[in-house]
Protein backbone atom coordinates (compact mmCIF):
# COMPACT_ATOMS: atom_id res chain seq x y z
CA MET A 1 13.27 -18.44 -9.10
CA THR A 2 15.08 -21.75 -9.27
CA ALA A 3 14.54 -24.92 -7.28
CA SER A 4 17.03 -26.22 -4.74
CA PRO A 5 17.53 -29.41 -2.67
CA SER A 6 15.83 -27.69 0.27
CA ILE A 7 12.80 -26.80 -1.83
CA GLY A 8 10.35 -28.46 0.59
CA ALA A 9 11.21 -26.38 3.66
CA ARG A 10 11.82 -23.28 1.63
CA SER A 11 8.51 -23.61 -0.22
CA VAL A 12 6.59 -23.63 3.04
CA ARG A 13 8.60 -20.69 4.29
CA ARG A 14 8.17 -18.86 0.98
CA ALA A 15 4.40 -19.35 1.07
CA ILE A 16 4.30 -17.67 4.47
CA LEU A 17 6.49 -14.81 3.33
CA ILE A 18 4.56 -14.33 0.09
CA ALA A 19 1.48 -13.93 2.25
CA PHE A 20 3.25 -11.16 4.14
CA ALA A 21 4.59 -9.57 0.96
CA ALA A 22 1.39 -9.94 -1.04
CA GLY A 23 -1.21 -8.96 1.45
CA ALA A 24 -1.27 -10.36 4.96
CA PHE A 25 0.84 -8.08 7.14
CA GLY A 26 -2.19 -7.27 9.24
CA ALA A 27 -5.54 -9.06 9.28
CA ALA A 28 -6.32 -11.46 6.45
CA CYS A 29 -8.98 -10.62 3.88
CA LYS A 30 -10.61 -13.94 3.07
CA GLN A 31 -11.82 -14.47 -0.47
CA ASP A 32 -15.22 -15.69 0.67
CA ALA A 33 -15.66 -12.46 2.64
CA ILE A 34 -15.17 -10.25 -0.41
CA VAL A 35 -18.52 -11.02 -2.04
CA ASN A 36 -21.25 -8.64 -0.90
CA SER A 37 -18.84 -6.77 1.35
CA SER A 38 -17.18 -3.38 1.43
CA CYS A 39 -14.55 -4.82 -0.93
CA GLU A 40 -17.11 -4.37 -3.68
CA ASN A 41 -16.83 -0.62 -4.17
CA HIS A 42 -15.74 1.95 -6.76
CA ARG A 43 -11.98 1.88 -6.19
CA PHE A 44 -11.42 0.34 -9.67
CA ASP A 45 -13.76 2.82 -11.38
CA VAL A 46 -11.16 5.30 -12.63
CA PHE A 47 -13.73 7.40 -14.47
CA ARG A 48 -16.36 7.60 -11.75
CA PRO A 49 -17.66 11.13 -11.28
CA THR A 50 -15.68 13.40 -9.03
CA GLN A 51 -17.40 15.23 -6.19
CA GLY A 52 -16.98 18.78 -7.42
CA LYS A 53 -13.51 20.02 -8.27
CA MET A 54 -10.80 17.55 -7.23
CA LEU A 55 -7.01 17.42 -7.42
CA ALA A 56 -5.32 14.06 -8.02
CA TYR A 57 -2.12 12.68 -6.51
CA LEU A 58 -0.59 9.67 -8.28
CA LEU A 59 1.54 7.10 -6.49
CA ASN A 60 5.14 7.33 -7.73
CA PRO A 61 6.41 3.70 -7.90
CA GLN A 62 10.05 4.82 -7.81
CA THR A 63 9.54 6.18 -4.29
CA ILE A 64 8.24 2.89 -2.85
CA SER A 65 10.39 1.53 -0.04
CA TYR A 66 9.48 -1.63 1.90
CA HIS A 67 11.66 -3.40 4.45
CA TYR A 68 10.50 -6.52 6.25
CA ARG A 69 12.57 -8.30 8.90
CA GLU A 70 11.68 -11.42 10.84
CA ILE A 71 14.13 -12.77 13.43
CA GLN A 72 13.89 -16.49 14.12
CA PRO A 73 16.27 -18.73 16.12
CA GLN A 74 17.55 -20.38 12.93
CA ASP A 75 17.87 -17.29 10.77
CA THR A 76 16.78 -13.73 10.00
CA THR A 77 14.53 -13.26 7.01
CA THR A 78 14.42 -9.98 5.11
CA ILE A 79 12.24 -8.75 2.26
CA LEU A 80 13.09 -5.59 0.32
CA TRP A 81 11.02 -3.85 -2.36
CA ASP A 82 12.92 -3.23 -5.61
CA SER A 83 11.73 0.15 -6.91
CA SER A 84 13.97 -0.19 -9.98
CA LYS A 85 11.78 -3.00 -11.37
CA ALA A 86 8.57 -2.57 -13.36
CA TYR A 87 5.47 -1.60 -11.42
CA LEU A 88 2.20 -2.97 -12.78
CA GLY A 89 -0.78 -0.74 -12.22
CA VAL A 90 -1.72 2.78 -11.17
CA SER A 91 -3.26 4.20 -8.01
CA CYS A 92 -4.24 7.71 -7.07
CA LEU A 93 -5.94 9.86 -4.46
CA ARG A 94 -8.35 12.66 -5.38
CA PHE A 95 -9.13 15.49 -2.98
CA GLN A 96 -11.74 18.23 -3.13
CA THR A 97 -10.46 21.69 -3.98
CA LYS A 98 -12.07 25.12 -4.26
CA ASP A 99 -9.34 26.91 -6.20
CA SER A 100 -7.83 24.02 -8.25
CA VAL A 101 -4.42 24.96 -6.81
CA ARG A 102 -4.38 23.28 -3.40
CA ILE A 103 -6.57 20.75 -1.69
CA ASP A 104 -9.13 21.97 0.82
CA THR A 105 -8.51 21.75 4.55
CA THR A 106 -11.45 19.36 4.82
CA GLY A 107 -13.61 17.62 2.27
CA VAL A 108 -14.24 14.44 0.33
CA PHE A 109 -11.51 12.21 -1.12
CA GLN A 110 -11.56 9.30 -3.55
CA PHE A 111 -9.14 6.39 -3.85
CA VAL A 112 -8.69 4.86 -7.31
CA MET A 113 -6.80 1.76 -8.44
CA SER A 114 -6.13 0.27 -11.86
CA GLY A 115 -4.31 -2.99 -12.48
CA ALA A 116 -2.47 -5.21 -10.00
CA ASN A 117 -0.36 -2.47 -8.37
CA SER A 118 2.40 -5.01 -7.92
CA GLY A 119 6.16 -5.11 -8.17
CA ILE A 120 9.20 -7.17 -7.23
CA VAL A 121 10.63 -7.83 -3.78
CA TRP A 122 13.80 -9.67 -2.82
CA GLN A 123 13.58 -12.23 -0.05
CA THR A 124 16.68 -13.43 1.77
CA PHE A 125 16.35 -16.57 3.89
CA ARG A 126 19.08 -18.97 5.01
CA GLY A 127 21.65 -17.43 2.72
CA ALA A 128 19.48 -17.64 -0.41
CA THR A 129 17.95 -14.60 -2.12
CA ASP A 130 14.93 -14.95 -4.41
CA SER A 131 12.70 -12.51 -6.24
CA LEU A 132 8.96 -12.58 -5.57
CA ASN A 133 5.95 -10.79 -6.98
CA ALA A 134 4.31 -8.60 -4.33
CA SER A 135 1.17 -6.48 -4.20
CA LEU A 136 1.44 -3.02 -2.71
CA PHE A 137 -2.14 -2.85 -1.46
CA PHE A 138 -4.02 -5.26 0.73
CA GLY A 139 -6.89 -6.07 -1.61
CA CYS A 140 -9.94 -4.78 0.27
CA GLU A 141 -9.22 -1.05 0.28
CA GLY A 142 -12.05 1.43 0.47
CA ASP A 143 -12.84 3.82 -2.36
CA GLY A 144 -12.80 7.03 -0.33
CA GLY A 145 -14.47 9.05 2.38
CA THR A 146 -13.62 12.35 4.03
CA PHE A 147 -10.26 13.92 4.83
CA ARG A 148 -8.81 16.65 7.02
CA VAL A 149 -5.46 18.43 6.75
CA ALA A 150 -4.19 19.06 10.27
CA SER A 151 -2.10 22.05 11.37
CA ASP A 152 1.10 19.98 10.96
CA ASN A 153 0.13 19.22 7.31
CA THR A 154 -0.68 15.59 8.01
CA VAL A 155 -3.64 14.30 6.02
CA GLN A 156 -6.12 12.30 8.08
CA TYR A 157 -8.66 10.00 6.43
CA SER A 158 -12.07 8.78 7.48
CA TRP A 159 -12.98 5.91 5.16
CA SER A 160 -16.57 5.15 4.20
CA ASN A 161 -15.86 1.49 3.37
CA GLY A 162 -13.16 -1.11 2.86
CA GLU A 163 -10.30 -2.35 5.04
CA GLN A 164 -7.18 -0.22 5.37
CA PHE A 165 -3.69 -1.60 5.94
CA ARG A 166 -0.11 -0.75 5.00
CA LEU A 167 -0.04 2.70 3.38
CA PHE A 168 -3.45 3.46 4.89
CA GLY A 169 -3.16 1.46 8.10
CA PRO A 170 -3.35 2.74 11.69
CA THR A 171 0.38 3.51 11.84
CA ALA A 172 0.54 5.28 8.48
CA VAL A 173 1.32 9.00 8.45
CA HIS A 174 0.51 11.04 5.32
CA THR A 175 2.21 14.44 5.18
CA LEU A 176 1.48 17.08 2.56
CA VAL A 177 4.68 18.78 1.34
CA GLY A 178 4.08 21.12 -1.58
CA ASP A 179 2.70 19.02 -4.44
CA THR A 180 3.65 15.72 -2.77
CA ILE A 181 2.05 13.60 -0.08
CA TRP A 182 4.64 11.46 1.69
CA VAL A 183 3.46 8.39 3.58
CA THR A 184 5.35 6.29 6.11
CA ALA A 185 4.09 3.28 8.02
CA GLU A 186 5.59 0.96 10.63
CA GLU A 187 4.28 -2.34 11.97
CA SER A 188 5.88 -4.40 14.70
CA TYR A 189 5.08 -7.74 16.31
CA ARG A 190 6.60 -10.19 18.81
CA ALA A 191 8.67 -7.61 20.70
CA ASP A 192 9.83 -6.19 17.34
CA SER A 193 11.33 -9.49 16.17
CA THR A 194 8.94 -9.03 13.24
CA HIS A 195 9.01 -5.55 11.78
CA ALA A 196 7.86 -3.94 8.54
CA SER A 197 8.30 -0.38 7.33
CA TRP A 198 6.83 1.38 4.29
CA ARG A 199 7.51 4.68 2.56
CA ALA A 200 6.09 6.11 -0.66
CA ALA A 201 5.07 9.41 -2.26
CA TRP A 202 1.91 10.57 -4.02
CA VAL A 203 2.64 13.34 -6.54
CA ARG A 204 0.28 15.73 -8.32
CA GLY A 205 -0.95 14.35 -11.63
CA ALA A 206 -4.03 13.45 -13.67
CA CYS A 207 -6.13 10.43 -12.80
CA GLY A 208 -9.35 10.41 -14.82
CA GLU A 209 -10.84 13.41 -13.11
């Protein structure tokens, strides 16, 4: 990103938007709250033991879609995820299975992360477009819990720890379609003048299990 004569105002604005893009669309996870909290769990332990047979679903970075829009009197700000750029990190979901072909209707799941799980977004504000680094996950995710596949093939999670936002937030819907779990999430504030939408897919793969 390059500097401009309006760098002062834009820097303040950018700091706010980076917070949204990098982890604050929802409640903030303060650094001093991470120590001795549910943020200290096994989500970064890729090779932790599975609970019986488990099938893994890896996040496919090329399916990530993020659109953020904030309407202000002076301008409309947008942020768009660029799925064509490099994605740093890996994340996966593991689900219990009895037959190693399909996940069980109910059981235990594990969430695993490795690396930053970050990419590039494009922010447009007052006619200028800049690229920013953005994290996909909030930073205090749990490491698993129990799941249930409903009759409409939506996967519902009950987390044992952590704080869930974005792809795992209250508005997120995970739908099992064959060997793929599609997730969509919508968040809206201030009479929808601030709106964010997410979409991504988890596909069957190997993840240390």
